[in-house]
Amino acid sequence: MLTGRPEEPSVSFRAFCEDPANRMPRPAPAAVLAPGDDTCAPSVFDPETGRVRVMSSKCTTCIGRRGTQLSDERRRELLGLRPDGSYDEGWTVCHATLPDNPDNTEELPPSVCAWVAQHPLAAKRSLAMRIGASTGFDYIDPQSKP
């Protein structure tokens, strides 16, 4: 006899991808959010095609480049690395594609950061990247190429 959660009905992968609730990125950690702010990052899924937008390469100001001001702990959090060494299923939206970023002069659509998309451990555990492997990717060119 099995114990735990009751049996849930099975859902096809296509139905899972079509449900908009499954296309939301993970919210920022509570320590990063201002009090009362529980907003999520913008979606990296194209609402018309369902494809995942990914940066084609790192921006010149990419948070994953050496020499940035991020602590090693914050860098690990952005990759989705948990304290126990496992990775969560989230993804990081490229800072250069955030709607509030004044440097986004070309109004690039929110996209998965190339650093995360190319990371050998974080990418294969990211739900967005796994969905994109099935539905396809739209590669977005950064405004400032390396």
N, C-alpha and C. Protein backbone atom coordinates (compact mmCIF):
# COMPACT_ATOMS: atom_id res chain seq x y z
N MET A 1 0.83 -1.18 0.00
CA MET A 1 0.00 0.00 0.00
C MET A 1 0.88 1.25 0.00
N LEU A 2 0.61 2.15 -0.92
CA LEU A 2 1.37 3.38 -1.01
C LEU A 2 0.74 4.45 -0.15
N THR A 3 1.57 5.25 0.45
CA THR A 3 1.07 6.39 1.22
C THR A 3 1.59 7.66 0.58
N GLY A 4 1.05 8.79 0.94
CA GLY A 4 1.47 10.05 0.36
C GLY A 4 0.32 10.73 -0.33
N ARG A 5 0.62 11.47 -1.40
CA ARG A 5 -0.45 12.20 -2.06
C ARG A 5 -1.34 11.26 -2.86
N PRO A 6 -2.60 11.64 -2.98
CA PRO A 6 -3.51 10.81 -3.77
C PRO A 6 -3.09 10.84 -5.24
N GLU A 7 -3.48 9.82 -5.93
CA GLU A 7 -3.15 9.72 -7.36
C GLU A 7 -3.75 10.89 -8.13
N GLU A 8 -2.92 11.57 -8.91
CA GLU A 8 -3.39 12.69 -9.72
C GLU A 8 -3.58 12.22 -11.16
N PRO A 9 -4.55 12.81 -11.85
CA PRO A 9 -4.73 12.39 -13.24
C PRO A 9 -3.52 12.79 -14.08
N SER A 10 -3.21 11.98 -15.01
CA SER A 10 -2.08 12.22 -15.89
C SER A 10 -2.43 13.31 -16.91
N VAL A 11 -1.45 14.16 -17.24
CA VAL A 11 -1.64 15.25 -18.19
C VAL A 11 -0.61 15.09 -19.30
N SER A 12 -1.04 15.26 -20.54
CA SER A 12 -0.10 15.14 -21.64
C SER A 12 0.89 16.30 -21.60
N PHE A 13 2.06 16.12 -22.19
CA PHE A 13 3.07 17.18 -22.22
C PHE A 13 2.52 18.40 -22.97
N ARG A 14 1.81 18.17 -24.06
CA ARG A 14 1.23 19.28 -24.82
C ARG A 14 0.25 20.08 -23.96
N ALA A 15 -0.61 19.39 -23.21
CA ALA A 15 -1.57 20.08 -22.35
C ALA A 15 -0.83 20.85 -21.26
N PHE A 16 0.24 20.27 -20.73
CA PHE A 16 1.02 20.95 -19.71
C PHE A 16 1.59 22.25 -20.28
N CYS A 17 2.14 22.20 -21.49
CA CYS A 17 2.75 23.39 -22.11
C CYS A 17 1.70 24.44 -22.48
N GLU A 18 0.50 24.01 -22.80
CA GLU A 18 -0.54 24.94 -23.21
C GLU A 18 -1.16 25.68 -22.03
N ASP A 19 -0.98 25.16 -20.82
CA ASP A 19 -1.55 25.82 -19.63
C ASP A 19 -0.67 27.00 -19.24
N PRO A 20 -1.18 28.24 -19.33
CA PRO A 20 -0.36 29.42 -19.01
C PRO A 20 0.20 29.40 -17.60
N ALA A 21 -0.45 28.72 -16.68
CA ALA A 21 0.05 28.66 -15.30
C ALA A 21 1.40 27.94 -15.23
N ASN A 22 1.70 27.09 -16.19
CA ASN A 22 2.96 26.36 -16.19
C ASN A 22 4.07 27.12 -16.91
N ARG A 23 3.80 28.34 -17.32
CA ARG A 23 4.79 29.12 -18.05
C ARG A 23 5.35 30.28 -17.23
N MET A 24 5.11 30.28 -15.95
CA MET A 24 5.59 31.37 -15.12
C MET A 24 6.94 31.01 -14.51
N PRO A 25 7.89 31.95 -14.56
CA PRO A 25 9.19 31.68 -13.92
C PRO A 25 9.05 31.70 -12.40
N ARG A 26 10.05 31.18 -11.74
CA ARG A 26 10.02 31.19 -10.29
C ARG A 26 10.09 32.63 -9.78
N PRO A 27 9.39 32.93 -8.69
CA PRO A 27 9.50 34.28 -8.13
C PRO A 27 10.88 34.47 -7.51
N ALA A 28 11.29 35.72 -7.41
CA ALA A 28 12.57 36.02 -6.77
C ALA A 28 12.53 35.57 -5.32
N PRO A 29 13.69 35.20 -4.76
CA PRO A 29 13.70 34.83 -3.35
C PRO A 29 13.17 35.97 -2.50
N ALA A 30 12.52 35.63 -1.40
CA ALA A 30 11.90 36.64 -0.54
C ALA A 30 12.90 37.69 -0.08
N ALA A 31 14.16 37.31 0.09
CA ALA A 31 15.16 38.26 0.55
C ALA A 31 15.43 39.35 -0.49
N VAL A 32 15.14 39.08 -1.76
CA VAL A 32 15.41 40.03 -2.83
C VAL A 32 14.23 40.97 -3.04
N LEU A 33 13.03 40.51 -2.74
CA LEU A 33 11.83 41.31 -2.96
C LEU A 33 11.66 42.37 -1.88
N ALA A 34 11.12 43.50 -2.29
CA ALA A 34 10.78 44.53 -1.32
C ALA A 34 9.55 44.05 -0.54
N PRO A 35 9.38 44.53 0.69
CA PRO A 35 8.20 44.10 1.46
C PRO A 35 6.91 44.35 0.69
N GLY A 36 6.06 43.33 0.61
CA GLY A 36 4.78 43.46 -0.08
C GLY A 36 4.86 43.23 -1.58
N ASP A 37 6.06 43.05 -2.13
CA ASP A 37 6.22 42.85 -3.58
C ASP A 37 6.39 41.36 -3.85
N ASP A 38 5.37 40.73 -4.43
CA ASP A 38 5.44 39.30 -4.73
C ASP A 38 5.31 39.04 -6.22
N THR A 39 5.72 40.01 -7.03
CA THR A 39 5.60 39.88 -8.47
C THR A 39 6.61 38.89 -9.02
N CYS A 40 6.26 38.28 -10.11
CA CYS A 40 7.15 37.35 -10.79
C CYS A 40 7.89 38.09 -11.90
N ALA A 41 8.93 37.49 -12.34
CA ALA A 41 9.66 38.01 -13.49
C ALA A 41 8.77 37.86 -14.73
N PRO A 42 9.04 38.64 -15.78
CA PRO A 42 8.23 38.49 -16.99
C PRO A 42 8.45 37.13 -17.64
N SER A 43 7.46 36.67 -18.36
CA SER A 43 7.51 35.36 -18.99
C SER A 43 8.47 35.34 -20.18
N VAL A 44 9.22 34.25 -20.30
CA VAL A 44 10.13 34.06 -21.43
C VAL A 44 9.49 33.23 -22.54
N PHE A 45 8.21 32.91 -22.38
CA PHE A 45 7.49 32.13 -23.38
C PHE A 45 6.77 33.08 -24.32
N ASP A 46 6.91 32.87 -25.62
CA ASP A 46 6.20 33.68 -26.59
C ASP A 46 4.73 33.28 -26.52
N PRO A 47 3.83 34.23 -26.24
CA PRO A 47 2.42 33.88 -26.05
C PRO A 47 1.75 33.36 -27.32
N GLU A 48 2.26 33.70 -28.48
CA GLU A 48 1.64 33.24 -29.72
C GLU A 48 2.12 31.87 -30.16
N THR A 49 3.41 31.60 -30.01
CA THR A 49 3.97 30.34 -30.50
C THR A 49 4.22 29.32 -29.42
N GLY A 50 4.34 29.77 -28.16
CA GLY A 50 4.68 28.87 -27.06
C GLY A 50 6.15 28.53 -27.01
N ARG A 51 6.94 29.10 -27.93
CA ARG A 51 8.37 28.83 -27.94
C ARG A 51 9.05 29.63 -26.83
N VAL A 52 10.22 29.17 -26.43
CA VAL A 52 10.97 29.81 -25.36
C VAL A 52 12.00 30.77 -25.97
N ARG A 53 12.00 32.01 -25.47
CA ARG A 53 12.99 32.99 -25.93
C ARG A 53 14.25 32.84 -25.09
N VAL A 54 15.40 32.75 -25.77
CA VAL A 54 16.70 32.58 -25.12
C VAL A 54 17.68 33.53 -25.77
N MET A 55 18.52 34.16 -24.97
CA MET A 55 19.57 35.01 -25.53
C MET A 55 20.54 34.14 -26.31
N SER A 56 20.96 34.60 -27.48
CA SER A 56 21.85 33.80 -28.33
C SER A 56 23.28 33.77 -27.79
N SER A 57 23.67 34.77 -27.03
CA SER A 57 24.99 34.81 -26.39
C SER A 57 24.93 35.75 -25.19
N LYS A 58 25.98 35.70 -24.39
CA LYS A 58 26.02 36.56 -23.21
C LYS A 58 26.16 38.02 -23.64
N CYS A 59 25.50 38.90 -22.89
CA CYS A 59 25.66 40.35 -23.09
C CYS A 59 27.05 40.74 -22.58
N THR A 60 27.52 41.90 -22.96
CA THR A 60 28.80 42.36 -22.43
C THR A 60 28.70 42.61 -20.93
N THR A 61 27.51 42.85 -20.43
CA THR A 61 27.31 43.09 -19.00
C THR A 61 26.66 41.90 -18.31
N CYS A 62 26.76 40.72 -18.89
CA CYS A 62 26.10 39.52 -18.35
C CYS A 62 26.54 39.24 -16.91
N ILE A 63 25.59 38.91 -16.08
CA ILE A 63 25.86 38.60 -14.68
C ILE A 63 26.70 37.34 -14.53
N GLY A 64 26.77 36.53 -15.57
CA GLY A 64 27.56 35.31 -15.51
C GLY A 64 29.00 35.48 -15.90
N ARG A 65 29.38 36.66 -16.35
CA ARG A 65 30.77 36.90 -16.72
C ARG A 65 31.63 37.10 -15.48
N ARG A 66 32.88 36.68 -15.60
CA ARG A 66 33.82 36.90 -14.49
C ARG A 66 34.03 38.40 -14.30
N GLY A 67 34.25 38.77 -13.06
CA GLY A 67 34.52 40.17 -12.77
C GLY A 67 33.29 41.00 -12.43
N THR A 68 32.09 40.40 -12.45
CA THR A 68 30.91 41.15 -12.06
C THR A 68 30.90 41.31 -10.55
N GLN A 69 30.06 42.17 -10.05
CA GLN A 69 30.03 42.48 -8.63
C GLN A 69 29.19 41.50 -7.81
N LEU A 70 28.71 40.43 -8.41
CA LEU A 70 27.87 39.48 -7.68
C LEU A 70 28.71 38.59 -6.78
N SER A 71 28.17 38.30 -5.62
CA SER A 71 28.84 37.35 -4.73
C SER A 71 28.67 35.95 -5.31
N ASP A 72 29.54 35.05 -4.88
CA ASP A 72 29.41 33.65 -5.33
C ASP A 72 28.07 33.07 -4.91
N GLU A 73 27.60 33.45 -3.72
CA GLU A 73 26.31 32.95 -3.24
C GLU A 73 25.17 33.41 -4.16
N ARG A 74 25.17 34.69 -4.53
CA ARG A 74 24.11 35.21 -5.41
C ARG A 74 24.20 34.57 -6.79
N ARG A 75 25.40 34.36 -7.28
CA ARG A 75 25.59 33.71 -8.58
C ARG A 75 25.00 32.30 -8.55
N ARG A 76 25.23 31.57 -7.46
CA ARG A 76 24.66 30.22 -7.32
C ARG A 76 23.13 30.27 -7.27
N GLU A 77 22.58 31.25 -6.56
CA GLU A 77 21.12 31.41 -6.50
C GLU A 77 20.54 31.64 -7.89
N LEU A 78 21.20 32.48 -8.69
CA LEU A 78 20.69 32.78 -10.03
C LEU A 78 20.76 31.57 -10.95
N LEU A 79 21.68 30.66 -10.67
CA LEU A 79 21.73 29.41 -11.43
C LEU A 79 20.70 28.41 -10.93
N GLY A 80 20.09 28.69 -9.78
CA GLY A 80 19.10 27.77 -9.22
C GLY A 80 19.70 26.71 -8.34
N LEU A 81 20.96 26.91 -7.92
CA LEU A 81 21.62 25.92 -7.07
C LEU A 81 21.14 26.05 -5.63
N ARG A 82 20.66 24.97 -5.09
CA ARG A 82 20.18 24.94 -3.71
C ARG A 82 21.34 24.64 -2.75
N PRO A 83 21.17 24.95 -1.47
CA PRO A 83 22.23 24.66 -0.50
C PRO A 83 22.62 23.18 -0.45
N ASP A 84 21.68 22.27 -0.79
CA ASP A 84 22.00 20.84 -0.74
C ASP A 84 22.73 20.35 -2.00
N GLY A 85 23.01 21.26 -2.94
CA GLY A 85 23.74 20.89 -4.15
C GLY A 85 22.86 20.53 -5.33
N SER A 86 21.54 20.44 -5.12
CA SER A 86 20.64 20.16 -6.23
C SER A 86 20.22 21.48 -6.88
N TYR A 87 19.63 21.39 -8.04
CA TYR A 87 19.16 22.57 -8.76
C TYR A 87 17.65 22.60 -8.79
N ASP A 88 17.07 23.81 -8.72
CA ASP A 88 15.62 23.90 -8.87
C ASP A 88 15.29 23.93 -10.36
N GLU A 89 14.03 24.03 -10.70
CA GLU A 89 13.62 23.95 -12.10
C GLU A 89 13.43 25.32 -12.75
N GLY A 90 13.87 26.37 -12.07
CA GLY A 90 13.65 27.72 -12.58
C GLY A 90 14.62 28.14 -13.66
N TRP A 91 14.57 29.41 -13.97
CA TRP A 91 15.46 30.02 -14.94
C TRP A 91 15.60 31.49 -14.58
N THR A 92 16.60 32.12 -15.13
CA THR A 92 16.85 33.53 -14.87
C THR A 92 16.60 34.32 -16.14
N VAL A 93 15.80 35.37 -16.03
CA VAL A 93 15.53 36.24 -17.17
C VAL A 93 16.73 37.17 -17.35
N CYS A 94 17.20 37.30 -18.57
CA CYS A 94 18.34 38.18 -18.88
C CYS A 94 18.01 39.60 -18.43
N HIS A 95 18.92 40.20 -17.66
CA HIS A 95 18.68 41.56 -17.15
C HIS A 95 18.53 42.57 -18.28
N ALA A 96 19.19 42.33 -19.40
CA ALA A 96 19.13 43.26 -20.53
C ALA A 96 17.77 43.24 -21.23
N THR A 97 16.94 42.24 -20.93
CA THR A 97 15.63 42.14 -21.58
C THR A 97 14.49 42.50 -20.63
N LEU A 98 14.81 42.90 -19.42
CA LEU A 98 13.76 43.26 -18.47
C LEU A 98 13.10 44.57 -18.91
N PRO A 99 11.78 44.65 -18.86
CA PRO A 99 11.07 45.83 -19.32
C PRO A 99 11.47 47.12 -18.59
N ASP A 100 11.85 47.03 -17.32
CA ASP A 100 12.21 48.22 -16.54
C ASP A 100 13.65 48.66 -16.74
N ASN A 101 14.44 47.89 -17.47
CA ASN A 101 15.85 48.22 -17.65
C ASN A 101 15.99 49.35 -18.66
N PRO A 102 16.55 50.51 -18.25
CA PRO A 102 16.69 51.63 -19.18
C PRO A 102 17.66 51.33 -20.33
N ASP A 103 18.52 50.31 -20.16
CA ASP A 103 19.45 49.94 -21.24
C ASP A 103 18.78 49.11 -22.33
N ASN A 104 17.54 48.68 -22.10
CA ASN A 104 16.82 47.88 -23.10
C ASN A 104 16.18 48.83 -24.12
N THR A 105 17.03 49.55 -24.85
CA THR A 105 16.54 50.56 -25.78
C THR A 105 15.86 49.96 -27.00
N GLU A 106 16.24 48.74 -27.35
CA GLU A 106 15.61 48.08 -28.50
C GLU A 106 14.35 47.33 -28.10
N GLU A 107 14.00 47.41 -26.83
CA GLU A 107 12.82 46.73 -26.29
C GLU A 107 12.82 45.24 -26.63
N LEU A 108 13.92 44.58 -26.28
CA LEU A 108 14.03 43.14 -26.48
C LEU A 108 13.01 42.44 -25.59
N PRO A 109 12.39 41.37 -26.07
CA PRO A 109 11.42 40.65 -25.24
C PRO A 109 12.14 39.87 -24.14
N PRO A 110 11.51 39.67 -22.99
CA PRO A 110 12.13 38.90 -21.91
C PRO A 110 12.59 37.54 -22.42
N SER A 111 13.83 37.19 -22.08
CA SER A 111 14.46 35.97 -22.59
C SER A 111 15.28 35.32 -21.49
N VAL A 112 15.48 34.01 -21.60
CA VAL A 112 16.33 33.29 -20.66
C VAL A 112 17.77 33.78 -20.87
N CYS A 113 18.46 34.04 -19.78
CA CYS A 113 19.85 34.48 -19.82
C CYS A 113 20.70 33.40 -20.50
N ALA A 114 21.58 33.81 -21.42
CA ALA A 114 22.45 32.86 -22.12
C ALA A 114 23.36 32.12 -21.15
N TRP A 115 23.78 32.79 -20.09
CA TRP A 115 24.65 32.16 -19.10
C TRP A 115 23.96 30.95 -18.48
N VAL A 116 22.69 31.10 -18.12
CA VAL A 116 21.92 30.00 -17.54
C VAL A 116 21.62 28.95 -18.61
N ALA A 117 21.24 29.39 -19.80
CA ALA A 117 20.87 28.46 -20.88
C ALA A 117 22.06 27.60 -21.32
N GLN A 118 23.28 28.12 -21.15
CA GLN A 118 24.47 27.37 -21.56
C GLN A 118 25.14 26.63 -20.42
N HIS A 119 24.67 26.83 -19.20
CA HIS A 119 25.30 26.19 -18.05
C HIS A 119 25.01 24.69 -18.09
N PRO A 120 26.04 23.85 -18.00
CA PRO A 120 25.84 22.41 -18.17
C PRO A 120 24.93 21.76 -17.14
N LEU A 121 24.84 22.30 -15.93
CA LEU A 121 23.98 21.70 -14.92
C LEU A 121 22.65 22.42 -14.79
N ALA A 122 22.66 23.75 -14.82
CA ALA A 122 21.42 24.51 -14.63
C ALA A 122 20.48 24.36 -15.82
N ALA A 123 21.01 24.36 -17.03
CA ALA A 123 20.16 24.34 -18.23
C ALA A 123 19.31 23.07 -18.31
N LYS A 124 19.91 21.93 -18.05
CA LYS A 124 19.15 20.69 -18.21
C LYS A 124 18.12 20.48 -17.11
N ARG A 125 18.21 21.26 -16.04
CA ARG A 125 17.22 21.15 -14.96
C ARG A 125 16.16 22.24 -15.03
N SER A 126 16.36 23.22 -15.91
CA SER A 126 15.42 24.32 -16.04
C SER A 126 14.17 23.87 -16.78
N LEU A 127 13.01 24.12 -16.19
CA LEU A 127 11.76 23.74 -16.83
C LEU A 127 11.58 24.46 -18.17
N ALA A 128 11.92 25.75 -18.21
CA ALA A 128 11.79 26.50 -19.46
C ALA A 128 12.66 25.89 -20.56
N MET A 129 13.87 25.50 -20.23
CA MET A 129 14.76 24.92 -21.23
C MET A 129 14.28 23.54 -21.67
N ARG A 130 13.70 22.78 -20.75
CA ARG A 130 13.17 21.46 -21.12
C ARG A 130 11.93 21.61 -21.99
N ILE A 131 11.08 22.58 -21.67
CA ILE A 131 9.90 22.81 -22.52
C ILE A 131 10.37 23.29 -23.89
N GLY A 132 11.35 24.21 -23.91
CA GLY A 132 11.88 24.71 -25.18
C GLY A 132 12.47 23.61 -26.04
N ALA A 133 13.05 22.59 -25.41
CA ALA A 133 13.60 21.48 -26.18
C ALA A 133 12.50 20.77 -26.96
N SER A 134 11.27 20.86 -26.47
CA SER A 134 10.15 20.23 -27.15
C SER A 134 9.42 21.19 -28.09
N THR A 135 9.19 22.43 -27.62
CA THR A 135 8.40 23.38 -28.42
C THR A 135 9.24 24.24 -29.34
N GLY A 136 10.53 24.36 -29.04
CA GLY A 136 11.44 25.15 -29.86
C GLY A 136 11.90 26.41 -29.14
N PHE A 137 12.97 27.00 -29.67
CA PHE A 137 13.56 28.20 -29.10
C PHE A 137 13.55 29.33 -30.12
N ASP A 138 13.36 30.54 -29.63
CA ASP A 138 13.57 31.75 -30.43
C ASP A 138 14.79 32.42 -29.82
N TYR A 139 15.88 32.52 -30.60
CA TYR A 139 17.10 33.11 -30.09
C TYR A 139 17.08 34.62 -30.32
N ILE A 140 17.36 35.35 -29.25
CA ILE A 140 17.36 36.80 -29.28
C ILE A 140 18.81 37.28 -29.21
N ASP A 141 19.21 38.16 -30.12
CA ASP A 141 20.56 38.69 -30.11
C ASP A 141 20.68 39.81 -29.10
N PRO A 142 21.73 39.77 -28.25
CA PRO A 142 21.93 40.85 -27.29
C PRO A 142 22.27 42.15 -28.02
N GLN A 143 21.95 43.28 -27.38
CA GLN A 143 22.23 44.58 -27.97
C GLN A 143 23.73 44.80 -28.11
N SER A 144 24.47 44.38 -27.12
CA SER A 144 25.93 44.53 -27.14
C SER A 144 26.54 43.15 -27.19
N LYS A 145 27.10 42.80 -28.32
CA LYS A 145 27.71 41.47 -28.44
C LYS A 145 29.09 41.50 -27.82
N PRO A 146 29.54 40.35 -27.28
CA PRO A 146 30.87 40.29 -26.65
C PRO A 146 31.98 40.53 -27.64
